[in-house]
N, C-alpha and C. Protein backbone atom coordinates (compact mmCIF):
# COMPACT_ATOMS: atom_id res chain seq x y z
N MET A 1 111.04 139.89 22.21
CA MET A 1 111.00 141.03 23.28
C MET A 1 110.90 140.39 24.64
N ILE A 2 111.76 141.03 25.53
CA ILE A 2 112.06 140.65 26.89
C ILE A 2 110.81 141.18 27.73
N THR A 3 110.18 140.21 28.35
CA THR A 3 109.06 140.71 29.11
C THR A 3 109.54 141.03 30.55
N LEU A 4 108.57 141.50 31.31
CA LEU A 4 108.92 141.84 32.73
C LEU A 4 109.25 140.53 33.44
N GLU A 5 108.46 139.46 33.10
CA GLU A 5 108.77 138.22 33.76
C GLU A 5 110.10 137.61 33.46
N ASP A 6 110.53 137.91 32.25
CA ASP A 6 111.83 137.40 31.92
C ASP A 6 112.96 138.19 32.75
N LYS A 7 112.75 139.49 32.75
CA LYS A 7 113.61 140.38 33.46
C LYS A 7 113.62 139.98 34.94
N LEU A 8 112.47 139.69 35.60
CA LEU A 8 112.49 139.27 37.01
C LEU A 8 113.19 137.94 37.15
N ASP A 9 112.95 137.16 36.20
CA ASP A 9 113.59 135.75 36.18
C ASP A 9 115.00 135.84 36.24
N ILE A 10 115.50 136.75 35.24
CA ILE A 10 116.93 137.05 35.12
C ILE A 10 117.51 137.45 36.56
N PHE A 11 116.79 138.56 37.02
CA PHE A 11 117.16 139.11 38.28
C PHE A 11 117.32 138.18 39.39
N TYR A 12 116.29 137.35 39.51
CA TYR A 12 116.34 136.21 40.59
C TYR A 12 117.55 135.21 40.40
N LYS A 13 117.65 134.92 39.20
CA LYS A 13 118.81 133.92 38.86
C LYS A 13 120.12 134.52 39.33
N VAL A 14 120.24 135.90 38.83
CA VAL A 14 121.63 136.55 39.13
C VAL A 14 121.72 136.59 40.77
N VAL A 15 120.66 137.08 41.34
CA VAL A 15 120.73 137.23 42.91
C VAL A 15 120.88 135.90 43.52
N PHE A 16 120.16 134.89 42.98
CA PHE A 16 120.34 133.46 43.59
C PHE A 16 121.72 132.99 43.58
N LYS A 17 122.22 133.08 42.26
CA LYS A 17 123.62 132.64 42.08
C LYS A 17 124.74 133.37 42.92
N GLU A 18 124.33 134.63 43.07
CA GLU A 18 125.43 135.32 43.88
C GLU A 18 125.29 134.77 45.34
N GLU A 19 124.03 134.70 45.79
CA GLU A 19 123.74 134.24 47.19
C GLU A 19 124.39 132.85 47.31
N GLU A 20 124.06 131.97 46.24
CA GLU A 20 124.49 130.54 46.30
C GLU A 20 125.97 130.51 46.44
N ALA A 21 126.68 131.39 45.65
CA ALA A 21 128.08 131.53 45.73
C ALA A 21 128.53 131.86 47.01
N LYS A 22 127.92 132.90 47.65
CA LYS A 22 128.31 133.29 49.02
C LYS A 22 128.10 132.20 50.00
N CYS A 23 126.91 131.52 49.92
CA CYS A 23 126.61 130.39 50.92
C CYS A 23 127.67 129.27 50.62
N LYS A 24 128.10 128.96 49.48
CA LYS A 24 129.08 127.93 49.20
C LYS A 24 130.25 128.29 49.82
N LYS A 25 130.72 129.54 49.65
CA LYS A 25 131.96 130.07 50.10
C LYS A 25 132.02 129.86 51.72
N LEU A 26 130.81 130.33 52.21
CA LEU A 26 130.72 130.34 53.77
C LEU A 26 130.71 128.82 54.34
N LEU A 27 130.04 128.04 53.50
CA LEU A 27 130.03 126.61 53.89
C LEU A 27 131.50 126.01 53.86
N GLU A 28 132.17 126.42 52.82
CA GLU A 28 133.55 125.90 52.59
C GLU A 28 134.49 126.40 53.76
N GLU A 29 134.21 127.82 54.14
CA GLU A 29 135.02 128.36 55.16
C GLU A 29 134.73 127.55 56.55
N LEU A 30 133.28 127.36 56.69
CA LEU A 30 132.91 126.81 57.90
C LEU A 30 133.50 125.35 58.02
N GLU A 31 133.40 124.60 56.87
CA GLU A 31 133.90 123.31 56.88
C GLU A 31 135.38 123.23 57.12
N PHE A 32 136.11 124.23 56.75
CA PHE A 32 137.48 124.23 56.87
C PHE A 32 137.88 124.61 58.33
N LYS A 33 137.03 125.46 58.89
CA LYS A 33 137.26 125.84 60.28
C LYS A 33 136.91 124.59 61.24
N ASN A 34 135.86 123.85 60.75
CA ASN A 34 135.37 122.75 61.65
C ASN A 34 136.45 121.73 61.49
N ASN A 35 137.07 121.55 60.34
CA ASN A 35 138.08 120.45 60.18
C ASN A 35 139.28 120.85 60.93
N SER A 36 139.51 122.28 60.97
CA SER A 36 140.63 122.69 61.96
C SER A 36 140.44 122.41 63.32
N ILE A 37 139.24 122.69 63.66
CA ILE A 37 138.83 122.54 65.10
C ILE A 37 139.00 121.05 65.48
N LEU A 38 138.49 120.09 64.44
CA LEU A 38 138.53 118.78 64.83
C LEU A 38 139.93 118.25 64.85
N GLU A 39 140.81 118.69 64.04
CA GLU A 39 142.20 118.32 63.97
C GLU A 39 142.88 118.73 65.28
N GLU A 40 142.51 120.04 65.69
CA GLU A 40 143.14 120.48 66.96
C GLU A 40 142.61 119.61 68.16
N LYS A 41 141.47 119.35 68.10
CA LYS A 41 140.84 118.51 69.20
C LYS A 41 141.50 117.06 69.06
N LYS A 42 141.64 116.49 67.89
CA LYS A 42 142.26 115.23 67.74
C LYS A 42 143.68 115.23 68.41
N ILE A 43 144.40 116.26 68.09
CA ILE A 43 145.82 116.45 68.55
C ILE A 43 145.77 116.53 70.14
N GLU A 44 144.83 117.41 70.54
CA GLU A 44 144.69 117.59 71.97
C GLU A 44 144.30 116.25 72.72
N LEU A 45 143.36 115.59 72.20
CA LEU A 45 142.87 114.24 72.77
C LEU A 45 144.08 113.32 72.77
N GLU A 46 144.83 113.33 71.51
CA GLU A 46 145.98 112.39 71.49
C GLU A 46 146.98 112.76 72.61
N LYS A 47 147.25 114.05 72.82
CA LYS A 47 148.21 114.39 73.82
C LYS A 47 147.73 114.01 75.19
N LYS A 48 146.36 114.16 75.46
CA LYS A 48 145.78 113.79 76.73
C LYS A 48 145.94 112.27 76.91
N LYS A 49 145.68 111.53 75.90
CA LYS A 49 145.73 110.24 75.80
C LYS A 49 147.18 109.67 76.18
N GLU A 50 148.12 110.28 75.56
CA GLU A 50 149.55 109.98 75.87
C GLU A 50 149.95 110.32 77.27
N GLU A 51 149.40 111.51 77.84
CA GLU A 51 149.81 111.78 79.09
C GLU A 51 149.18 110.76 80.26
N ILE A 52 147.84 110.38 79.93
CA ILE A 52 147.11 109.54 80.73
C ILE A 52 148.00 108.18 80.79
N ILE A 53 148.31 107.83 79.53
CA ILE A 53 149.12 106.47 79.43
C ILE A 53 150.47 106.57 80.11
N LYS A 54 151.05 107.83 79.98
CA LYS A 54 152.45 108.06 80.73
C LYS A 54 152.31 107.95 82.27
N ARG A 55 151.11 108.68 82.73
CA ARG A 55 150.85 108.69 84.15
C ARG A 55 150.52 107.32 84.66
N LYS A 56 149.76 106.61 83.90
CA LYS A 56 149.56 105.22 84.27
C LYS A 56 150.86 104.32 84.35
N ARG A 57 151.63 104.55 83.31
CA ARG A 57 152.91 103.79 83.25
C ARG A 57 153.81 104.07 84.51
N ILE A 58 153.81 105.44 84.70
CA ILE A 58 154.69 105.94 85.81
C ILE A 58 154.12 105.37 87.15
N LEU A 59 152.72 105.53 87.30
CA LEU A 59 152.07 104.83 88.51
C LEU A 59 152.32 103.40 88.68
N ALA A 60 152.20 102.78 87.59
CA ALA A 60 152.42 101.32 87.62
C ALA A 60 153.86 100.97 87.96
N GLU A 61 154.85 101.74 87.45
CA GLU A 61 156.23 101.59 87.82
C GLU A 61 156.44 101.89 89.22
N ILE A 62 155.90 102.93 89.78
CA ILE A 62 156.02 103.23 91.19
C ILE A 62 155.45 102.04 92.13
N GLN A 63 154.28 101.68 91.72
CA GLN A 63 153.58 100.46 92.48
C GLN A 63 154.39 99.26 92.40
N LYS A 64 155.11 99.12 91.14
CA LYS A 64 155.87 97.76 91.07
C LYS A 64 157.15 97.90 91.96
N ASN A 65 157.65 99.12 91.83
CA ASN A 65 158.85 99.34 92.71
C ASN A 65 158.53 99.28 94.29
N GLU A 66 157.44 99.67 94.57
CA GLU A 66 156.94 99.64 95.99
C GLU A 66 156.75 98.18 96.41
N MET A 67 156.05 97.39 95.45
CA MET A 67 155.88 95.88 95.84
C MET A 67 157.30 95.25 95.90
N VAL A 68 158.16 95.60 94.95
CA VAL A 68 159.44 94.98 94.92
C VAL A 68 160.10 95.34 96.28
N SER A 69 160.21 96.65 96.58
CA SER A 69 160.95 97.13 97.76
C SER A 69 160.22 96.39 99.12
N LYS A 70 158.94 96.33 99.11
CA LYS A 70 158.21 95.62 100.23
C LYS A 70 158.67 94.19 100.27
N ALA A 71 158.74 93.53 99.22
CA ALA A 71 159.11 92.11 99.19
C ALA A 71 160.55 91.93 99.53
N VAL A 72 161.41 92.82 99.11
CA VAL A 72 162.75 92.66 99.40
C VAL A 72 162.91 92.94 100.96
N GLY A 73 162.27 94.00 101.58
CA GLY A 73 162.25 94.33 102.84
C GLY A 73 161.84 93.09 103.71
N GLU A 74 160.71 92.48 103.34
CA GLU A 74 160.20 91.37 104.03
C GLU A 74 161.06 90.15 104.14
N SER A 75 161.72 90.06 102.78
CA SER A 75 162.65 88.95 102.60
C SER A 75 163.82 89.10 103.59
N ARG A 76 164.44 90.42 103.58
CA ARG A 76 165.67 90.60 104.49
C ARG A 76 165.30 90.47 105.94
N GLY A 77 164.01 90.97 106.32
CA GLY A 77 163.54 90.86 107.60
C GLY A 77 163.52 89.39 108.02
N LYS A 78 162.93 88.56 107.21
CA LYS A 78 162.96 87.07 107.44
C LYS A 78 164.27 86.53 107.62
N ILE A 79 165.17 86.92 106.71
CA ILE A 79 166.52 86.36 106.64
C ILE A 79 167.26 86.87 107.99
N LEU A 80 167.04 88.09 108.39
CA LEU A 80 167.66 88.58 109.61
C LEU A 80 167.19 87.84 110.85
N GLU A 81 165.74 87.60 110.75
CA GLU A 81 165.14 86.87 111.94
C GLU A 81 165.64 85.39 112.00
N LYS A 82 165.84 84.83 110.90
CA LYS A 82 166.35 83.41 110.79
C LYS A 82 167.80 83.37 111.14
N ARG A 83 168.47 84.45 110.81
CA ARG A 83 170.02 84.43 111.21
C ARG A 83 170.07 84.57 112.86
N GLU A 84 169.17 85.44 113.34
CA GLU A 84 169.19 85.70 114.72
C GLU A 84 168.77 84.33 115.59
N GLU A 85 167.82 83.67 114.80
CA GLU A 85 167.32 82.33 115.44
C GLU A 85 168.64 81.37 115.38
N VAL A 86 169.35 81.28 114.28
CA VAL A 86 170.37 80.39 114.13
C VAL A 86 171.62 80.74 115.13
N LEU A 87 171.75 82.11 115.29
CA LEU A 87 172.79 82.51 116.26
C LEU A 87 172.31 82.11 117.73
N ARG A 88 171.02 82.28 118.02
CA ARG A 88 170.60 81.94 119.44
C ARG A 88 170.81 80.45 119.60
N ASP A 89 170.52 79.70 118.59
CA ASP A 89 170.69 78.20 118.71
C ASP A 89 172.28 77.87 118.85
N LEU A 90 172.89 78.55 118.21
CA LEU A 90 174.41 78.38 118.27
C LEU A 90 174.84 78.72 119.58
N ILE A 91 174.55 79.80 120.24
CA ILE A 91 174.89 80.27 121.50
C ILE A 91 174.40 79.23 122.59
N SER A 92 173.04 78.84 122.39
CA SER A 92 172.71 77.83 123.31
C SER A 92 173.38 76.47 123.26
N SER A 93 173.88 76.10 122.04
CA SER A 93 174.66 74.93 121.85
C SER A 93 176.02 75.13 122.51
N LEU A 94 176.61 76.42 122.39
CA LEU A 94 177.92 76.61 123.07
C LEU A 94 177.60 76.59 124.57
N GLU A 95 176.70 76.92 125.09
CA GLU A 95 176.42 76.94 126.61
C GLU A 95 176.20 75.48 127.03
N ASP A 96 175.53 74.67 126.08
CA ASP A 96 175.26 73.25 126.43
C ASP A 96 176.73 72.56 126.61
N ARG A 97 177.57 72.73 125.57
CA ARG A 97 178.92 72.21 125.47
C ARG A 97 179.70 72.63 126.71
N ALA A 98 179.50 73.90 127.11
CA ALA A 98 180.19 74.33 128.35
C ALA A 98 179.74 73.63 129.55
N ARG A 99 178.50 73.40 129.82
CA ARG A 99 177.94 72.65 130.85
C ARG A 99 178.48 71.18 130.84
N LYS A 100 178.53 70.63 129.69
CA LYS A 100 179.20 69.33 129.61
C LYS A 100 180.61 69.31 130.00
N PHE A 101 181.34 70.34 129.52
CA PHE A 101 182.85 70.45 129.84
C PHE A 101 182.98 70.60 131.30
N VAL A 102 182.07 71.28 131.98
CA VAL A 102 182.17 71.52 133.47
C VAL A 102 182.17 70.09 134.11
N LEU A 103 181.37 69.21 133.64
CA LEU A 103 181.21 67.97 134.25
C LEU A 103 182.34 66.99 133.74
N SER A 104 183.21 67.36 132.96
CA SER A 104 184.28 66.46 132.40
C SER A 104 185.47 66.41 133.30
N SER A 105 186.40 65.51 133.10
CA SER A 105 187.50 65.40 133.75
C SER A 105 188.64 66.44 133.42
N ASP A 106 188.45 67.03 132.26
CA ASP A 106 189.37 68.02 131.75
C ASP A 106 189.12 69.41 132.54
N TYR A 107 187.91 69.54 132.98
CA TYR A 107 187.51 70.83 133.54
C TYR A 107 188.44 71.18 134.69
N GLU A 108 188.69 70.31 135.61
CA GLU A 108 189.44 70.57 136.72
C GLU A 108 190.80 71.18 136.44
N GLY A 109 191.53 70.67 135.48
CA GLY A 109 192.72 71.17 135.09
C GLY A 109 192.67 72.54 134.39
N TYR A 110 191.67 72.64 133.66
CA TYR A 110 191.40 74.03 132.98
C TYR A 110 191.19 75.10 134.14
N LEU A 111 190.32 74.83 135.03
CA LEU A 111 189.83 75.85 136.00
C LEU A 111 191.02 76.18 136.93
N LEU A 112 191.71 75.16 137.41
CA LEU A 112 192.91 75.44 138.33
C LEU A 112 194.07 76.10 137.59
N ASN A 113 194.39 75.74 136.47
CA ASN A 113 195.49 76.34 135.69
C ASN A 113 195.10 77.82 135.48
N LYS A 114 193.86 78.10 135.19
CA LYS A 114 193.45 79.48 134.74
C LYS A 114 193.45 80.33 136.06
N ILE A 115 193.12 79.73 137.13
CA ILE A 115 193.27 80.56 138.48
C ILE A 115 194.66 80.80 138.77
N VAL A 116 195.53 79.76 138.69
CA VAL A 116 197.04 80.03 138.85
C VAL A 116 197.40 81.18 137.92
N GLN A 117 197.19 81.13 136.79
CA GLN A 117 197.59 82.17 135.74
C GLN A 117 197.17 83.62 136.22
N ILE A 118 195.77 83.79 136.55
CA ILE A 118 195.43 85.07 137.08
C ILE A 118 196.02 85.49 138.29
N ILE A 119 195.96 84.68 139.29
CA ILE A 119 196.60 85.15 140.59
C ILE A 119 198.03 85.54 140.57
N ARG A 120 198.76 84.93 139.64
CA ARG A 120 200.21 85.32 139.43
C ARG A 120 200.29 86.69 138.76
N GLU A 121 199.23 87.07 137.96
CA GLU A 121 199.36 88.33 137.29
C GLU A 121 198.95 89.52 138.18
N VAL A 122 198.11 89.18 139.16
CA VAL A 122 197.58 90.40 140.05
C VAL A 122 198.63 90.68 141.26
N SER A 123 198.70 91.79 141.62
CA SER A 123 199.73 92.17 142.53
C SER A 123 199.25 92.09 143.95
N GLU A 124 197.89 92.12 144.18
CA GLU A 124 197.28 92.06 145.55
C GLU A 124 197.48 90.80 146.23
N LYS A 125 197.63 90.88 147.54
CA LYS A 125 197.84 89.65 148.40
C LYS A 125 196.58 89.08 148.71
N GLU A 126 195.52 89.87 148.97
CA GLU A 126 194.29 89.43 149.40
C GLU A 126 193.37 89.49 148.21
N ILE A 127 192.70 88.36 147.74
CA ILE A 127 191.90 88.35 146.63
C ILE A 127 190.66 87.49 146.94
N ILE A 128 189.59 87.78 146.14
CA ILE A 128 188.34 87.03 146.35
C ILE A 128 188.12 86.34 144.96
N ILE A 129 187.76 85.09 145.02
CA ILE A 129 187.49 84.26 143.95
C ILE A 129 186.01 83.78 144.21
N SER A 130 185.23 84.07 143.19
CA SER A 130 183.73 83.57 143.18
C SER A 130 183.59 82.36 142.18
N ILE A 131 183.13 81.30 142.78
CA ILE A 131 182.85 80.15 141.93
C ILE A 131 181.47 79.59 142.33
N THR A 132 180.88 78.53 141.44
CA THR A 132 179.64 77.98 141.75
C THR A 132 179.72 76.99 143.16
N GLU A 133 178.67 76.74 143.57
CA GLU A 133 178.56 75.94 144.80
C GLU A 133 179.14 74.60 144.59
N ILE A 134 178.87 74.01 143.34
CA ILE A 134 179.35 72.71 142.89
C ILE A 134 180.92 72.72 142.89
N ASP A 135 181.32 73.83 142.15
CA ASP A 135 182.82 73.94 142.12
C ASP A 135 183.62 74.13 143.46
N LYS A 136 182.89 74.95 144.39
CA LYS A 136 183.39 75.01 145.62
C LYS A 136 183.53 73.73 146.46
N GLU A 137 182.58 72.90 146.26
CA GLU A 137 182.63 71.59 146.93
C GLU A 137 183.64 70.76 146.32
N ARG A 138 183.98 70.85 145.16
CA ARG A 138 184.88 69.94 144.38
C ARG A 138 186.35 70.42 144.52
N PHE A 139 186.56 71.82 144.38
CA PHE A 139 187.96 72.41 144.30
C PHE A 139 188.32 73.35 145.34
N GLU A 140 187.54 73.49 146.48
CA GLU A 140 187.90 74.44 147.50
C GLU A 140 189.32 74.23 148.06
N ASP A 141 189.64 73.11 148.42
CA ASP A 141 191.02 72.85 148.97
C ASP A 141 192.19 73.07 147.92
N PHE A 142 191.84 72.62 146.69
CA PHE A 142 192.92 72.87 145.75
C PHE A 142 193.12 74.37 145.42
N ILE A 143 192.12 75.18 145.48
CA ILE A 143 192.18 76.65 145.19
C ILE A 143 192.78 77.24 146.35
N LEU A 144 192.58 76.89 147.64
CA LEU A 144 193.33 77.56 148.74
C LEU A 144 194.77 77.06 148.78
N ASP A 145 194.91 75.85 148.45
CA ASP A 145 196.46 75.47 148.31
C ASP A 145 197.23 76.24 147.26
N ILE A 146 196.54 76.54 146.11
CA ILE A 146 197.22 77.38 145.08
C ILE A 146 197.57 78.88 145.69
N GLY A 147 196.55 79.28 146.42
CA GLY A 147 196.84 80.66 147.02
C GLY A 147 197.99 80.57 147.95
N LYS A 148 198.09 79.50 148.77
CA LYS A 148 199.27 79.50 149.66
C LYS A 148 200.60 79.29 148.93
N GLU A 149 200.65 78.48 147.94
CA GLU A 149 201.78 78.38 147.13
C GLU A 149 202.26 79.60 146.41
N ASN A 150 201.35 80.49 146.28
CA ASN A 150 201.67 81.77 145.45
C ASN A 150 201.56 83.06 146.37
N ASN A 151 201.56 82.71 147.80
CA ASN A 151 201.54 83.84 148.69
C ASN A 151 200.37 84.67 148.50
N LYS A 152 199.16 84.02 148.39
CA LYS A 152 197.91 84.97 148.22
C LYS A 152 196.99 84.38 149.28
N ASP A 153 196.33 85.32 149.80
CA ASP A 153 195.19 85.00 150.81
C ASP A 153 193.87 84.96 150.08
N ILE A 154 193.49 83.82 149.83
CA ILE A 154 192.30 83.72 148.80
C ILE A 154 190.91 83.58 149.65
N SER A 155 189.92 84.20 149.41
CA SER A 155 188.56 83.99 150.04
C SER A 155 187.68 83.47 148.90
N LEU A 156 186.96 82.47 149.20
CA LEU A 156 186.07 81.87 148.12
C LEU A 156 184.65 82.35 148.49
N ASN A 157 183.98 82.80 147.46
CA ASN A 157 182.61 83.25 147.54
C ASN A 157 181.82 82.46 146.56
N LEU A 158 180.48 82.23 146.82
CA LEU A 158 179.64 81.63 145.90
C LEU A 158 178.97 82.53 144.89
N ILE A 159 178.93 82.10 143.63
CA ILE A 159 178.26 82.79 142.66
C ILE A 159 177.05 81.95 142.01
N SER A 160 176.22 82.74 141.31
CA SER A 160 175.06 81.98 140.69
C SER A 160 175.47 80.85 139.74
N PRO A 161 174.77 79.75 139.77
CA PRO A 161 175.04 78.78 138.78
C PRO A 161 174.86 79.07 137.37
N ASP A 162 174.22 80.29 137.14
CA ASP A 162 173.98 80.67 135.71
C ASP A 162 175.32 81.00 134.99
N ILE A 163 176.36 81.20 135.72
CA ILE A 163 177.76 81.50 134.99
C ILE A 163 178.15 80.17 134.28
N ILE A 164 177.54 79.08 134.51
CA ILE A 164 177.85 77.74 133.99
C ILE A 164 179.10 77.15 134.56
N GLY A 165 180.23 77.80 134.45
CA GLY A 165 181.53 77.39 135.04
C GLY A 165 182.45 78.57 134.95
N GLY A 166 183.65 78.28 135.40
CA GLY A 166 184.65 79.29 135.45
C GLY A 166 184.69 80.06 136.73
N PHE A 167 185.19 81.31 136.75
CA PHE A 167 185.27 82.04 137.99
C PHE A 167 185.29 83.58 137.82
N THR A 168 185.18 84.34 138.80
CA THR A 168 185.38 85.67 138.82
C THR A 168 186.36 86.00 139.89
N LEU A 169 187.27 87.01 139.79
CA LEU A 169 188.40 87.33 140.70
C LEU A 169 188.36 88.90 140.96
N SER A 170 188.38 89.24 142.21
CA SER A 170 188.47 90.70 142.48
C SER A 170 189.45 90.86 143.72
N ASP A 171 189.83 92.23 143.95
CA ASP A 171 190.59 92.37 145.02
C ASP A 171 189.67 92.52 146.30
N LYS A 172 190.38 92.69 147.49
CA LYS A 172 189.62 92.71 148.80
C LYS A 172 188.62 93.84 148.76
N ASP A 173 188.86 94.98 148.27
CA ASP A 173 188.00 96.20 148.05
C ASP A 173 187.10 96.21 146.90
N ARG A 174 187.14 95.19 146.10
CA ARG A 174 186.28 95.01 144.92
C ARG A 174 186.49 96.24 143.94
N SER A 175 187.62 96.67 143.89
CA SER A 175 187.78 97.93 143.03
C SER A 175 187.88 97.47 141.57
N TYR A 176 188.15 96.17 141.36
CA TYR A 176 187.95 95.59 139.94
C TYR A 176 187.32 94.29 140.02
N ASN A 177 187.00 93.70 139.00
CA ASN A 177 186.40 92.43 138.84
C ASN A 177 186.83 91.67 137.55
N LEU A 178 187.57 90.63 137.57
CA LEU A 178 187.99 89.83 136.40
C LEU A 178 186.95 88.69 136.25
N ASP A 179 186.23 88.84 135.22
CA ASP A 179 185.23 87.82 135.01
C ASP A 179 185.56 86.82 133.83
N ASN A 180 185.94 85.64 134.54
CA ASN A 180 186.30 84.45 133.56
C ASN A 180 185.24 83.36 133.60
N SER A 181 184.17 83.72 133.81
CA SER A 181 182.90 82.88 133.79
C SER A 181 182.68 82.40 132.33
N PHE A 182 182.23 81.09 132.24
CA PHE A 182 181.84 80.71 130.80
C PHE A 182 180.70 81.45 130.18
N LYS A 183 179.77 81.91 130.92
CA LYS A 183 178.57 82.58 130.52
C LYS A 183 179.10 83.98 129.87
N THR A 184 179.96 84.59 130.71
CA THR A 184 180.41 86.04 130.24
C THR A 184 181.28 85.85 129.04
N ILE A 185 182.14 84.83 128.94
CA ILE A 185 183.05 84.63 127.87
C ILE A 185 182.21 84.45 126.62
N ILE A 186 181.21 83.58 126.61
CA ILE A 186 180.42 83.43 125.46
C ILE A 186 179.50 84.75 125.12
N GLU A 187 179.05 85.54 126.16
CA GLU A 187 178.35 86.75 125.83
C GLU A 187 179.37 87.69 125.11
N GLU A 188 180.46 87.77 125.71
CA GLU A 188 181.38 88.74 125.21
C GLU A 188 181.93 88.48 123.68
N ASN A 189 181.79 87.19 123.39
CA ASN A 189 182.25 86.75 122.08
C ASN A 189 181.03 86.52 121.01
N LYS A 190 179.85 87.05 121.51
CA LYS A 190 178.64 86.74 120.84
C LYS A 190 178.75 87.56 119.39
N TYR A 191 179.28 88.71 119.60
CA TYR A 191 179.41 89.54 118.21
C TYR A 191 180.29 88.75 117.21
N LEU A 192 181.44 88.36 117.79
CA LEU A 192 182.38 87.68 116.89
C LEU A 192 181.75 86.37 116.36
N ILE A 193 181.10 85.67 117.25
CA ILE A 193 180.53 84.40 116.80
C ILE A 193 179.55 84.63 115.72
N GLY A 194 178.66 85.64 115.97
CA GLY A 194 177.67 86.12 114.93
C GLY A 194 178.33 86.44 113.67
N LYS A 195 179.37 87.17 113.77
CA LYS A 195 180.07 87.59 112.52
C LYS A 195 180.55 86.53 111.73
N ARG A 196 181.24 85.67 112.38
CA ARG A 196 181.80 84.42 111.72
C ARG A 196 180.69 83.47 111.07
N LEU A 197 179.53 83.46 111.85
CA LEU A 197 178.44 82.65 111.46
C LEU A 197 177.83 83.26 110.07
N TYR A 198 177.60 84.58 110.14
CA TYR A 198 177.00 85.16 108.90
C TYR A 198 177.93 85.18 107.78
N SER A 199 179.12 85.34 108.12
CA SER A 199 180.12 85.31 106.90
C SER A 199 180.20 83.80 106.40
N SER A 200 180.14 82.82 107.11
CA SER A 200 180.09 81.40 106.69
C SER A 200 178.78 81.25 105.82
N LEU A 201 177.61 81.76 106.40
CA LEU A 201 176.43 81.46 105.78
C LEU A 201 176.43 82.13 104.43
N GLU A 202 177.00 83.42 104.25
CA GLU A 202 177.01 84.07 102.94
C GLU A 202 177.83 83.35 102.00
N LYS A 203 179.02 82.73 102.41
CA LYS A 203 179.96 81.99 101.49
C LYS A 203 179.18 80.78 101.02
N THR A 204 178.39 80.10 101.94
CA THR A 204 177.69 78.73 101.42
C THR A 204 176.25 79.18 100.77
N GLY A 205 175.89 80.51 100.87
CA GLY A 205 174.53 80.82 100.27
C GLY A 205 173.56 80.49 101.29
N GLY A 206 173.80 80.17 102.61
CA GLY A 206 172.73 79.88 103.42
C GLY A 206 171.82 80.96 103.87
N LEU A 207 170.56 80.77 104.01
CA LEU A 207 169.65 81.89 104.50
C LEU A 207 169.51 83.00 103.65
N ASN A 208 169.70 82.86 102.32
CA ASN A 208 169.73 84.05 101.33
C ASN A 208 168.42 83.98 100.50
N GLY A 209 167.55 83.13 100.81
CA GLY A 209 166.40 82.99 100.12
C GLY A 209 165.36 82.10 100.64
């Protein structure tokens, strides 16, 4: 005979098993949900990790390019500075050679022949030739004789010794000025001299590193 206790026991077991089943199901659902959340978080964190790595790589690449660009710019600046220094030295050397030429025996022939050439090309009868004080002392009579031989009335003026050598020529009204001084010839050809110098340096690999 089933007693009341037996009935209660059976009731509790049925109810407990039903609740246990419900709890188990809830736990399984919760575990599945948690696993899903964890997986989503893992994926999210992995994406963030990849984005951070990507950003760091991009930043590192930018910094590297900036450093390379800066180094290249500094290198080019040093090369240009060195080239300018070499060009200045070359111009100075040419001026020194011009000064030595002025003191040589060949200078007289060069100067007088150049003056003859120019005065024959100009149509004016009265012209002004400007030369250095040293050249005036050395060649004044020769230049005046050249003028007479070519039917020109030549006035000699003094010019700054900075011109090194050579002369300038103008008409009486100074409406034009033909500058044949060594200083001006060198300055006017500075660009061409520099161009040839840099071309030569590039061919030989000079000043490129």
